[in-house]
Structures are given as C-alpha cells and as structure tokens.
Amino acid sequence: MEDAIVKRQLELLRADRCAVHDVAASRTGDTVILYSPPGRLDIHARIVYASGIATKRHLNDPVMHVTPAGGTGNAWSLQYIRILGDKINRGYGSLMMKQLLALAERGNVARIEGRLQQAEHRDHAERLRHFYGKFGFAIDADRRLRWDNPRYRPAPSERPAAPKPGFRFWYAKRTEKKDLHPF
C-alpha cells in the first residue's frame, strides 16, 4: 500500500512540475520524497508515513528555504529551515541538508551562507549548532553560517590570471631606471 501512495505522490509532484531529487527512508522508517518547486532552490520533504498517510504540499511539508546569495551567482543563502510539530527530531532536516549539499556539489556552488536563528532555549541552540556542525558548517561569533564546497572548481573566468611571461623582468628593468628611494 505504501508503494502505491509514494507513486501517487511522485505523480502529483511531477504534475506540479516539481524537480524530484530523491526518495529516501528516514531513520524512523518513513518514506521521504525530496523535491524542489519549479524554478526554486528550496528543498521540500513530502513524507509518506508507514501508516500510509502523506503530508500535504505547502501546508505541512518540511521545507528548507534557499536563495542565491546576494551579489554573486555562485553562492547560495540558506534562509531558514521549517520543520514543525511531530516532525521535529526525526531526521527529515538531515535528509534535506544532505540533498542541499549534494546539489551544491553537483552544481559547483562555491559556498552556502546563512545565519543561525535565535533560539529561545539553550538546548535548542546547542541542537542547532550540532546540526550545522555535523554537515561541516562553520559558525562565527555573530551566528553566521558558512559551508565551503570542498569540490568547488572555479570557472576559468574566476581564476586569477597568470602573470605574463617576462613581466617580472620588465618590471625590474623599469624600477632600475627610476630612483624610487628618497635617500
């Protein structure tokens, strides 16, 4: 029965022109369909519970909101992660984060930036730090997050230009002709 529900959910998502990235099992045994709405970087998680009930899109699917980082086309900004109610601490956020990092590596994205949200309770703040830390995010004193893609390869236009042959020799000759020292 669960397979039929998963297939139906996949059909619905594809009919909505969503990009389906993966179908995975959560640590609690639920089936999680990771997808992005058309033209968006966001990662959503459609959950098909072992009981056969599925979450409803845009109402209660866990979501990770991601946008291009300002000023550059080669970095993403993680705006926030929304996981509510009984879905908290069941591994859905980890599945979405793994998918986001895999997409960044495949898309040759240089980095992902963000800000650690303000936590009301100390244990929540510690859980957030642990969550981001286990995926390799650095967190600075101002709660800024940064993940640098270890597989990133700059495009040829982003690489520093190699010095022209003979440049040092020419520069050395020019400085010899001028008296640059005041003494």
N, C-alpha and C. Protein backbone atom coordinates (compact mmCIF):
# COMPACT_ATOMS: atom_id res chain seq x y z
N MET A 1 0.81 -1.19 0.00
CA MET A 1 0.00 0.00 0.00
C MET A 1 0.87 1.26 0.00
N GLU A 2 1.95 1.26 0.79
CA GLU A 2 2.82 2.44 0.88
C GLU A 2 3.44 2.76 -0.48
N ASP A 3 3.83 1.73 -1.25
CA ASP A 3 4.42 1.96 -2.57
C ASP A 3 3.44 2.68 -3.49
N ALA A 4 2.18 2.32 -3.43
CA ALA A 4 1.17 2.97 -4.27
C ALA A 4 1.01 4.44 -3.87
N ILE A 5 1.08 4.71 -2.58
CA ILE A 5 0.95 6.09 -2.11
C ILE A 5 2.18 6.90 -2.53
N VAL A 6 3.37 6.31 -2.42
CA VAL A 6 4.60 7.00 -2.85
C VAL A 6 4.52 7.30 -4.34
N LYS A 7 4.10 6.32 -5.14
CA LYS A 7 3.98 6.54 -6.59
C LYS A 7 2.98 7.66 -6.89
N ARG A 8 1.87 7.67 -6.18
CA ARG A 8 0.86 8.72 -6.39
C ARG A 8 1.42 10.09 -6.01
N GLN A 9 2.15 10.16 -4.91
CA GLN A 9 2.75 11.44 -4.51
C GLN A 9 3.77 11.92 -5.54
N LEU A 10 4.56 10.99 -6.08
CA LEU A 10 5.52 11.34 -7.13
C LEU A 10 4.81 11.88 -8.36
N GLU A 11 3.69 11.25 -8.73
CA GLU A 11 2.90 11.72 -9.87
C GLU A 11 2.39 13.15 -9.63
N LEU A 12 1.88 13.39 -8.42
CA LEU A 12 1.36 14.72 -8.09
C LEU A 12 2.46 15.78 -8.14
N LEU A 13 3.62 15.46 -7.60
CA LEU A 13 4.73 16.41 -7.61
C LEU A 13 5.20 16.70 -9.03
N ARG A 14 5.30 15.67 -9.83
CA ARG A 14 5.73 15.86 -11.23
C ARG A 14 4.68 16.62 -12.03
N ALA A 15 3.41 16.40 -11.72
CA ALA A 15 2.35 17.15 -12.39
C ALA A 15 2.43 18.64 -12.04
N ASP A 16 2.92 18.94 -10.87
CA ASP A 16 3.14 20.33 -10.45
C ASP A 16 4.47 20.87 -10.96
N ARG A 17 5.15 20.10 -11.81
CA ARG A 17 6.44 20.46 -12.40
C ARG A 17 7.56 20.61 -11.38
N CYS A 18 7.44 19.92 -10.25
CA CYS A 18 8.49 19.94 -9.24
C CYS A 18 9.64 19.03 -9.68
N ALA A 19 10.84 19.40 -9.28
CA ALA A 19 12.01 18.55 -9.53
C ALA A 19 12.13 17.58 -8.35
N VAL A 20 11.95 16.31 -8.61
CA VAL A 20 12.10 15.29 -7.56
C VAL A 20 13.57 14.88 -7.53
N HIS A 21 14.21 15.08 -6.39
CA HIS A 21 15.64 14.82 -6.26
C HIS A 21 15.93 13.40 -5.78
N ASP A 22 15.14 12.93 -4.83
CA ASP A 22 15.45 11.63 -4.22
C ASP A 22 14.24 11.12 -3.46
N VAL A 23 14.20 9.83 -3.28
CA VAL A 23 13.23 9.18 -2.40
C VAL A 23 14.08 8.39 -1.41
N ALA A 24 13.94 8.72 -0.12
CA ALA A 24 14.80 8.12 0.89
C ALA A 24 13.97 7.66 2.08
N ALA A 25 14.57 6.84 2.90
CA ALA A 25 13.92 6.39 4.13
C ALA A 25 14.48 7.19 5.29
N SER A 26 13.58 7.65 6.17
CA SER A 26 14.04 8.35 7.36
C SER A 26 14.48 7.33 8.40
N ARG A 27 15.10 7.80 9.44
CA ARG A 27 15.57 6.87 10.48
C ARG A 27 14.41 6.24 11.25
N THR A 28 13.20 6.81 11.07
CA THR A 28 12.03 6.24 11.74
C THR A 28 11.24 5.31 10.82
N GLY A 29 11.73 5.12 9.59
CA GLY A 29 11.08 4.19 8.66
C GLY A 29 10.09 4.82 7.71
N ASP A 30 9.91 6.13 7.79
CA ASP A 30 9.01 6.81 6.86
C ASP A 30 9.71 7.00 5.51
N THR A 31 8.94 7.11 4.45
CA THR A 31 9.49 7.39 3.13
C THR A 31 9.44 8.90 2.92
N VAL A 32 10.56 9.47 2.49
CA VAL A 32 10.67 10.92 2.32
C VAL A 32 11.00 11.21 0.86
N ILE A 33 10.16 12.01 0.22
CA ILE A 33 10.39 12.43 -1.16
C ILE A 33 10.96 13.85 -1.10
N LEU A 34 12.20 14.01 -1.55
CA LEU A 34 12.86 15.32 -1.54
C LEU A 34 12.66 15.97 -2.90
N TYR A 35 12.12 17.18 -2.90
CA TYR A 35 11.79 17.84 -4.16
C TYR A 35 11.96 19.34 -4.04
N SER A 36 11.99 20.01 -5.20
CA SER A 36 12.03 21.48 -5.27
C SER A 36 10.91 21.95 -6.17
N PRO A 37 10.21 23.02 -5.78
CA PRO A 37 9.20 23.60 -6.67
C PRO A 37 9.87 24.15 -7.93
N PRO A 38 9.12 24.33 -9.00
CA PRO A 38 9.71 24.81 -10.26
C PRO A 38 10.45 26.14 -10.08
N GLY A 39 11.68 26.19 -10.59
CA GLY A 39 12.46 27.42 -10.58
C GLY A 39 12.97 27.85 -9.22
N ARG A 40 12.93 26.98 -8.24
CA ARG A 40 13.35 27.34 -6.87
C ARG A 40 14.51 26.46 -6.43
N LEU A 41 15.30 26.98 -5.49
CA LEU A 41 16.38 26.20 -4.88
C LEU A 41 15.91 25.49 -3.62
N ASP A 42 14.74 25.86 -3.11
CA ASP A 42 14.22 25.28 -1.87
C ASP A 42 14.18 23.76 -1.95
N ILE A 43 14.37 23.12 -0.80
CA ILE A 43 14.23 21.67 -0.68
C ILE A 43 13.01 21.40 0.21
N HIS A 44 12.05 20.67 -0.32
CA HIS A 44 10.87 20.27 0.44
C HIS A 44 10.94 18.76 0.69
N ALA A 45 10.26 18.33 1.73
CA ALA A 45 10.22 16.90 2.05
C ALA A 45 8.77 16.46 2.17
N ARG A 46 8.31 15.68 1.21
CA ARG A 46 6.98 15.06 1.30
C ARG A 46 7.17 13.76 2.05
N ILE A 47 6.46 13.60 3.14
CA ILE A 47 6.62 12.43 4.00
C ILE A 47 5.44 11.50 3.79
N VAL A 48 5.75 10.24 3.52
CA VAL A 48 4.73 9.20 3.48
C VAL A 48 5.02 8.33 4.70
N TYR A 49 4.15 8.44 5.68
CA TYR A 49 4.33 7.70 6.92
C TYR A 49 4.09 6.22 6.69
N ALA A 50 4.64 5.41 7.57
CA ALA A 50 4.44 3.96 7.48
C ALA A 50 2.96 3.61 7.53
N SER A 51 2.14 4.48 8.15
CA SER A 51 0.70 4.25 8.23
C SER A 51 0.01 4.47 6.88
N GLY A 52 0.73 5.09 5.92
CA GLY A 52 0.16 5.32 4.60
C GLY A 52 -0.37 6.72 4.39
N ILE A 53 -0.27 7.57 5.39
CA ILE A 53 -0.73 8.95 5.27
C ILE A 53 0.43 9.81 4.79
N ALA A 54 0.17 10.71 3.86
CA ALA A 54 1.22 11.60 3.33
C ALA A 54 0.95 13.03 3.78
N THR A 55 2.03 13.80 3.92
CA THR A 55 1.88 15.22 4.22
C THR A 55 1.32 15.92 2.98
N LYS A 56 0.74 17.09 3.18
CA LYS A 56 0.17 17.85 2.08
C LYS A 56 1.11 18.99 1.71
N ARG A 57 1.36 19.11 0.43
CA ARG A 57 2.29 20.12 -0.07
C ARG A 57 1.86 21.52 0.36
N HIS A 58 2.83 22.31 0.73
CA HIS A 58 2.70 23.72 1.13
C HIS A 58 1.93 23.90 2.43
N LEU A 59 1.37 22.86 2.98
CA LEU A 59 0.68 23.01 4.25
C LEU A 59 1.56 22.57 5.40
N ASN A 60 2.11 21.38 5.27
CA ASN A 60 2.92 20.89 6.38
C ASN A 60 4.13 20.06 5.95
N ASP A 61 4.57 20.20 4.70
CA ASP A 61 5.83 19.57 4.30
C ASP A 61 6.98 20.33 4.96
N PRO A 62 7.94 19.63 5.54
CA PRO A 62 9.14 20.33 5.99
C PRO A 62 9.81 21.00 4.79
N VAL A 63 10.40 22.17 5.02
CA VAL A 63 11.00 22.92 3.91
C VAL A 63 12.28 23.62 4.36
N MET A 64 13.20 23.70 3.45
CA MET A 64 14.46 24.41 3.63
C MET A 64 14.48 25.51 2.56
N HIS A 65 14.35 26.77 2.99
CA HIS A 65 14.30 27.88 2.04
C HIS A 65 15.71 28.33 1.69
N VAL A 66 16.01 28.33 0.38
CA VAL A 66 17.34 28.65 -0.13
C VAL A 66 17.18 29.63 -1.29
N THR A 67 18.05 30.64 -1.32
CA THR A 67 18.05 31.61 -2.42
C THR A 67 19.48 31.81 -2.89
N PRO A 68 19.66 32.38 -4.09
CA PRO A 68 21.02 32.76 -4.48
C PRO A 68 21.53 33.83 -3.52
N ALA A 69 22.80 33.74 -3.14
CA ALA A 69 23.37 34.74 -2.24
C ALA A 69 23.51 36.06 -2.98
N GLY A 70 23.25 37.15 -2.30
CA GLY A 70 23.33 38.47 -2.93
C GLY A 70 24.71 38.79 -3.47
N GLY A 71 24.73 39.35 -4.65
CA GLY A 71 25.98 39.82 -5.23
C GLY A 71 26.78 38.77 -5.98
N THR A 72 26.40 37.53 -5.89
CA THR A 72 27.16 36.50 -6.61
C THR A 72 26.21 35.41 -7.07
N GLY A 73 26.49 34.85 -8.21
CA GLY A 73 25.67 33.75 -8.70
C GLY A 73 26.22 32.41 -8.31
N ASN A 74 27.32 32.40 -7.58
CA ASN A 74 27.97 31.14 -7.28
C ASN A 74 27.94 30.79 -5.80
N ALA A 75 26.99 31.35 -5.09
CA ALA A 75 26.81 31.02 -3.67
C ALA A 75 25.32 31.02 -3.38
N TRP A 76 24.93 30.23 -2.41
CA TRP A 76 23.54 30.15 -2.00
C TRP A 76 23.40 30.67 -0.58
N SER A 77 22.22 31.15 -0.27
CA SER A 77 21.91 31.62 1.07
C SER A 77 20.81 30.74 1.66
N LEU A 78 21.12 30.10 2.75
CA LEU A 78 20.14 29.28 3.47
C LEU A 78 19.36 30.23 4.36
N GLN A 79 18.10 30.48 4.00
CA GLN A 79 17.29 31.45 4.73
C GLN A 79 16.78 30.87 6.06
N TYR A 80 16.17 29.71 5.99
CA TYR A 80 15.71 29.04 7.21
C TYR A 80 15.22 27.64 6.88
N ILE A 81 15.06 26.86 7.92
CA ILE A 81 14.51 25.51 7.82
C ILE A 81 13.24 25.50 8.66
N ARG A 82 12.14 25.04 8.08
CA ARG A 82 10.88 24.97 8.81
C ARG A 82 10.45 23.51 8.94
N ILE A 83 10.52 23.02 10.15
CA ILE A 83 10.02 21.68 10.47
C ILE A 83 9.19 21.84 11.73
N LEU A 84 7.93 21.46 11.66
CA LEU A 84 7.02 21.74 12.76
C LEU A 84 6.48 20.48 13.42
N GLY A 85 6.04 20.66 14.66
CA GLY A 85 5.29 19.64 15.39
C GLY A 85 5.99 18.30 15.53
N ASP A 86 5.26 17.25 15.19
CA ASP A 86 5.76 15.89 15.39
C ASP A 86 6.86 15.51 14.40
N LYS A 87 7.18 16.39 13.48
CA LYS A 87 8.24 16.10 12.50
C LYS A 87 9.63 16.49 13.00
N ILE A 88 9.69 17.20 14.10
CA ILE A 88 10.97 17.64 14.66
C ILE A 88 11.74 16.44 15.20
N ASN A 89 13.04 16.46 14.95
CA ASN A 89 13.97 15.45 15.50
C ASN A 89 13.68 14.03 15.01
N ARG A 90 13.26 13.92 13.74
CA ARG A 90 13.00 12.60 13.14
C ARG A 90 13.91 12.32 11.96
N GLY A 91 14.88 13.24 11.69
CA GLY A 91 15.85 13.03 10.62
C GLY A 91 15.49 13.69 9.30
N TYR A 92 14.34 14.37 9.23
CA TYR A 92 13.94 15.00 7.97
C TYR A 92 14.87 16.16 7.60
N GLY A 93 15.27 16.94 8.58
CA GLY A 93 16.20 18.05 8.32
C GLY A 93 17.54 17.55 7.81
N SER A 94 18.01 16.44 8.36
CA SER A 94 19.28 15.87 7.90
C SER A 94 19.17 15.39 6.46
N LEU A 95 18.05 14.77 6.11
CA LEU A 95 17.87 14.32 4.72
C LEU A 95 17.83 15.52 3.77
N MET A 96 17.15 16.58 4.17
CA MET A 96 17.09 17.77 3.32
C MET A 96 18.47 18.42 3.19
N MET A 97 19.22 18.50 4.29
CA MET A 97 20.55 19.11 4.25
C MET A 97 21.49 18.30 3.38
N LYS A 98 21.46 16.97 3.50
CA LYS A 98 22.30 16.13 2.63
C LYS A 98 21.98 16.39 1.17
N GLN A 99 20.70 16.53 0.86
CA GLN A 99 20.29 16.79 -0.52
C GLN A 99 20.78 18.15 -0.97
N LEU A 100 20.65 19.16 -0.12
CA LEU A 100 21.10 20.51 -0.47
C LEU A 100 22.60 20.52 -0.77
N LEU A 101 23.39 19.87 0.08
CA LEU A 101 24.84 19.85 -0.13
C LEU A 101 25.20 19.06 -1.38
N ALA A 102 24.48 17.99 -1.66
CA ALA A 102 24.73 17.21 -2.88
C ALA A 102 24.43 18.06 -4.12
N LEU A 103 23.34 18.83 -4.08
CA LEU A 103 23.01 19.71 -5.20
C LEU A 103 24.07 20.80 -5.37
N ALA A 104 24.56 21.33 -4.26
CA ALA A 104 25.60 22.36 -4.32
C ALA A 104 26.89 21.80 -4.93
N GLU A 105 27.25 20.58 -4.53
CA GLU A 105 28.46 19.97 -5.09
C GLU A 105 28.29 19.70 -6.58
N ARG A 106 27.15 19.14 -6.98
CA ARG A 106 26.91 18.86 -8.40
C ARG A 106 26.82 20.12 -9.23
N GLY A 107 26.27 21.19 -8.64
CA GLY A 107 26.12 22.46 -9.36
C GLY A 107 27.33 23.35 -9.27
N ASN A 108 28.41 22.87 -8.64
CA ASN A 108 29.65 23.62 -8.48
C ASN A 108 29.41 24.98 -7.80
N VAL A 109 28.61 24.96 -6.74
CA VAL A 109 28.35 26.15 -5.94
C VAL A 109 29.51 26.30 -4.96
N ALA A 110 30.07 27.48 -4.89
CA ALA A 110 31.26 27.71 -4.07
C ALA A 110 30.98 27.56 -2.57
N ARG A 111 29.85 28.11 -2.12
CA ARG A 111 29.56 28.09 -0.68
C ARG A 111 28.07 28.29 -0.43
N ILE A 112 27.69 27.95 0.79
CA ILE A 112 26.34 28.22 1.28
C ILE A 112 26.50 29.05 2.54
N GLU A 113 25.77 30.16 2.59
CA GLU A 113 25.84 31.07 3.73
C GLU A 113 24.48 31.12 4.41
N GLY A 114 24.46 31.59 5.64
CA GLY A 114 23.20 31.74 6.33
C GLY A 114 23.43 32.35 7.70
N ARG A 115 22.41 32.31 8.51
CA ARG A 115 22.52 32.83 9.87
C ARG A 115 21.80 31.86 10.79
N LEU A 116 22.46 31.53 11.87
CA LEU A 116 21.87 30.65 12.88
C LEU A 116 20.73 31.41 13.55
N GLN A 117 19.55 30.83 13.53
CA GLN A 117 18.40 31.53 14.11
C GLN A 117 18.56 31.70 15.61
N GLN A 118 17.90 32.70 16.12
CA GLN A 118 17.91 32.96 17.56
C GLN A 118 17.10 31.86 18.24
N ALA A 119 17.67 31.20 19.22
CA ALA A 119 16.97 30.13 19.93
C ALA A 119 16.53 30.63 21.31
N GLU A 120 15.32 30.27 21.68
CA GLU A 120 14.80 30.71 22.97
C GLU A 120 15.39 29.90 24.12
N HIS A 121 15.74 28.66 23.86
CA HIS A 121 16.24 27.79 24.91
C HIS A 121 17.66 27.36 24.57
N ARG A 122 18.46 27.19 25.60
CA ARG A 122 19.86 26.81 25.40
C ARG A 122 20.00 25.45 24.72
N ASP A 123 19.15 24.49 25.09
CA ASP A 123 19.25 23.16 24.46
C ASP A 123 18.92 23.22 22.98
N HIS A 124 18.00 24.12 22.59
CA HIS A 124 17.68 24.28 21.17
C HIS A 124 18.88 24.88 20.43
N ALA A 125 19.52 25.86 21.03
CA ALA A 125 20.71 26.48 20.42
C ALA A 125 21.81 25.44 20.25
N GLU A 126 21.99 24.58 21.23
CA GLU A 126 23.01 23.53 21.13
C GLU A 126 22.67 22.52 20.04
N ARG A 127 21.38 22.18 19.92
CA ARG A 127 20.96 21.25 18.86
C ARG A 127 21.21 21.85 17.48
N LEU A 128 20.93 23.16 17.34
CA LEU A 128 21.18 23.83 16.06
C LEU A 128 22.67 23.82 15.72
N ARG A 129 23.51 24.15 16.69
CA ARG A 129 24.96 24.14 16.46
C ARG A 129 25.44 22.73 16.08
N HIS A 130 24.91 21.74 16.77
CA HIS A 130 25.28 20.36 16.46
C HIS A 130 24.83 19.99 15.03
N PHE A 131 23.60 20.36 14.69
CA PHE A 131 23.06 20.04 13.37
C PHE A 131 23.94 20.62 12.27
N TYR A 132 24.21 21.91 12.32
CA TYR A 132 25.02 22.54 11.27
C TYR A 132 26.47 22.05 11.31
N GLY A 133 26.99 21.84 12.49
CA GLY A 133 28.37 21.36 12.63
C GLY A 133 28.58 19.99 12.00
N LYS A 134 27.61 19.10 12.13
CA LYS A 134 27.79 17.76 11.58
C LYS A 134 27.82 17.75 10.05
N PHE A 135 27.36 18.85 9.43
CA PHE A 135 27.42 18.96 7.97
C PHE A 135 28.56 19.84 7.50
N GLY A 136 29.44 20.24 8.42
CA GLY A 136 30.63 20.99 8.03
C GLY A 136 30.45 22.49 7.96
N PHE A 137 29.38 23.03 8.51
CA PHE A 137 29.19 24.48 8.53
C PHE A 137 30.05 25.09 9.63
N ALA A 138 30.70 26.20 9.32
CA ALA A 138 31.41 26.99 10.32
C ALA A 138 30.41 28.01 10.85
N ILE A 139 30.47 28.29 12.15
CA ILE A 139 29.58 29.26 12.78
C ILE A 139 30.46 30.27 13.50
N ASP A 140 30.34 31.56 13.13
CA ASP A 140 31.18 32.57 13.78
C ASP A 140 30.48 33.17 14.99
N ALA A 141 31.13 34.12 15.64
CA ALA A 141 30.61 34.73 16.86
C ALA A 141 29.31 35.50 16.62
N ASP A 142 29.07 35.95 15.39
CA ASP A 142 27.84 36.67 15.05
C ASP A 142 26.74 35.74 14.54
N ARG A 143 26.92 34.43 14.73
CA ARG A 143 25.96 33.40 14.35
C ARG A 143 25.82 33.25 12.84
N ARG A 144 26.80 33.71 12.07
CA ARG A 144 26.77 33.50 10.62
C ARG A 144 27.24 32.08 10.32
N LEU A 145 26.54 31.45 9.37
CA LEU A 145 26.87 30.09 8.93
C LEU A 145 27.60 30.16 7.60
N ARG A 146 28.53 29.24 7.41
CA ARG A 146 29.20 29.16 6.11
C ARG A 146 29.68 27.74 5.88
N TRP A 147 29.32 27.22 4.71
CA TRP A 147 29.79 25.92 4.25
C TRP A 147 30.53 26.15 2.95
N ASP A 148 31.79 25.75 2.89
CA ASP A 148 32.59 25.87 1.67
C ASP A 148 32.62 24.52 0.99
N ASN A 149 32.28 24.52 -0.29
CA ASN A 149 32.22 23.30 -1.07
C ASN A 149 33.63 22.75 -1.30
N PRO A 150 33.94 21.57 -0.75
CA PRO A 150 35.28 21.02 -0.93
C PRO A 150 35.55 20.58 -2.37
N ARG A 151 34.51 20.43 -3.17
CA ARG A 151 34.67 20.01 -4.57
C ARG A 151 34.54 21.17 -5.57
N TYR A 152 34.46 22.38 -5.05
CA TYR A 152 34.28 23.54 -5.90
C TYR A 152 35.48 23.75 -6.82
N ARG A 153 35.21 24.00 -8.08
CA ARG A 153 36.24 24.31 -9.07
C ARG A 153 35.85 25.62 -9.75
N PRO A 154 36.64 26.68 -9.55
CA PRO A 154 36.28 27.96 -10.17
C PRO A 154 36.25 27.86 -11.69
N ALA A 155 35.33 28.60 -12.28
CA ALA A 155 35.28 28.68 -13.74
C ALA A 155 36.52 29.42 -14.22
N PRO A 156 36.95 29.20 -15.46
CA PRO A 156 38.16 29.87 -15.96
C PRO A 156 38.12 31.39 -15.79
N SER A 157 36.95 32.01 -15.91
CA SER A 157 36.87 33.47 -15.75
C SER A 157 37.06 33.90 -14.31
N GLU A 158 36.92 32.99 -13.32
CA GLU A 158 37.07 33.33 -11.91
C GLU A 158 38.49 33.11 -11.41
N ARG A 159 39.29 32.39 -12.15
CA ARG A 159 40.66 32.11 -11.71
C ARG A 159 41.53 33.33 -11.90
N PRO A 160 42.47 33.56 -10.97
CA PRO A 160 43.37 34.70 -11.16
C PRO A 160 44.22 34.49 -12.40
N ALA A 161 44.45 35.57 -13.11
CA ALA A 161 45.25 35.49 -14.33
C ALA A 161 46.70 35.18 -13.99
N ALA A 162 47.30 34.33 -14.77
CA ALA A 162 48.71 34.01 -14.58
C ALA A 162 49.54 35.20 -15.04
N PRO A 163 50.65 35.45 -14.37
CA PRO A 163 51.48 36.57 -14.82
C PRO A 163 51.99 36.32 -16.23
N LYS A 164 52.08 37.40 -16.99
CA LYS A 164 52.55 37.29 -18.36
C LYS A 164 54.04 36.97 -18.35
N PRO A 165 54.49 36.17 -19.29
CA PRO A 165 55.92 35.86 -19.35
C PRO A 165 56.73 37.14 -19.51
N GLY A 166 57.80 37.22 -18.75
CA GLY A 166 58.69 38.37 -18.83
C GLY A 166 58.22 39.56 -18.02
N PHE A 167 57.05 39.46 -17.37
CA PHE A 167 56.52 40.59 -16.61
C PHE A 167 57.49 41.02 -15.51
N ARG A 168 57.98 40.09 -14.74
CA ARG A 168 58.89 40.43 -13.64
C ARG A 168 60.17 41.06 -14.16
N PHE A 169 60.67 40.52 -15.24
CA PHE A 169 61.89 41.04 -15.81
C PHE A 169 61.68 42.48 -16.29
N TRP A 170 60.56 42.73 -16.97
CA TRP A 170 60.26 44.07 -17.45
C TRP A 170 60.11 45.03 -16.28
N TYR A 171 59.37 44.60 -15.23
CA TYR A 171 59.16 45.45 -14.07
C TYR A 171 60.50 45.77 -13.40
N ALA A 172 61.37 44.78 -13.30
CA ALA A 172 62.66 45.01 -12.67
C ALA A 172 63.48 46.02 -13.47
N LYS A 173 63.43 45.96 -14.76
CA LYS A 173 64.16 46.92 -15.58
C LYS A 173 63.61 48.32 -15.38
N ARG A 174 62.28 48.46 -15.32
CA ARG A 174 61.69 49.79 -15.16
C ARG A 174 62.07 50.40 -13.83
N THR A 175 62.10 49.62 -12.76
CA THR A 175 62.42 50.19 -11.46
C THR A 175 63.90 50.53 -11.36
N GLU A 176 64.74 49.87 -12.12
CA GLU A 176 66.16 50.20 -12.09
C GLU A 176 66.41 51.57 -12.68
N LYS A 177 65.58 52.00 -13.61
CA LYS A 177 65.78 53.27 -14.28
C LYS A 177 65.35 54.44 -13.39
N LYS A 178 64.43 54.19 -12.46
CA LYS A 178 63.93 55.28 -11.61
C LYS A 178 64.61 55.19 -10.26
N ASP A 179 64.82 56.33 -9.66
CA ASP A 179 65.32 56.37 -8.30
C ASP A 179 64.10 56.47 -7.37
N LEU A 180 63.67 55.31 -6.85
CA LEU A 180 62.47 55.26 -6.03
C LEU A 180 62.74 55.53 -4.56
N HIS A 181 63.99 55.56 -4.19
CA HIS A 181 64.35 55.75 -2.77
C HIS A 181 64.58 57.23 -2.48
N PRO A 182 64.00 57.72 -1.40
CA PRO A 182 64.16 59.14 -1.07
C PRO A 182 65.54 59.49 -0.51
N PHE A 183 66.39 58.54 -0.19
CA PHE A 183 67.69 58.84 0.39
C PHE A 183 68.82 58.53 -0.54
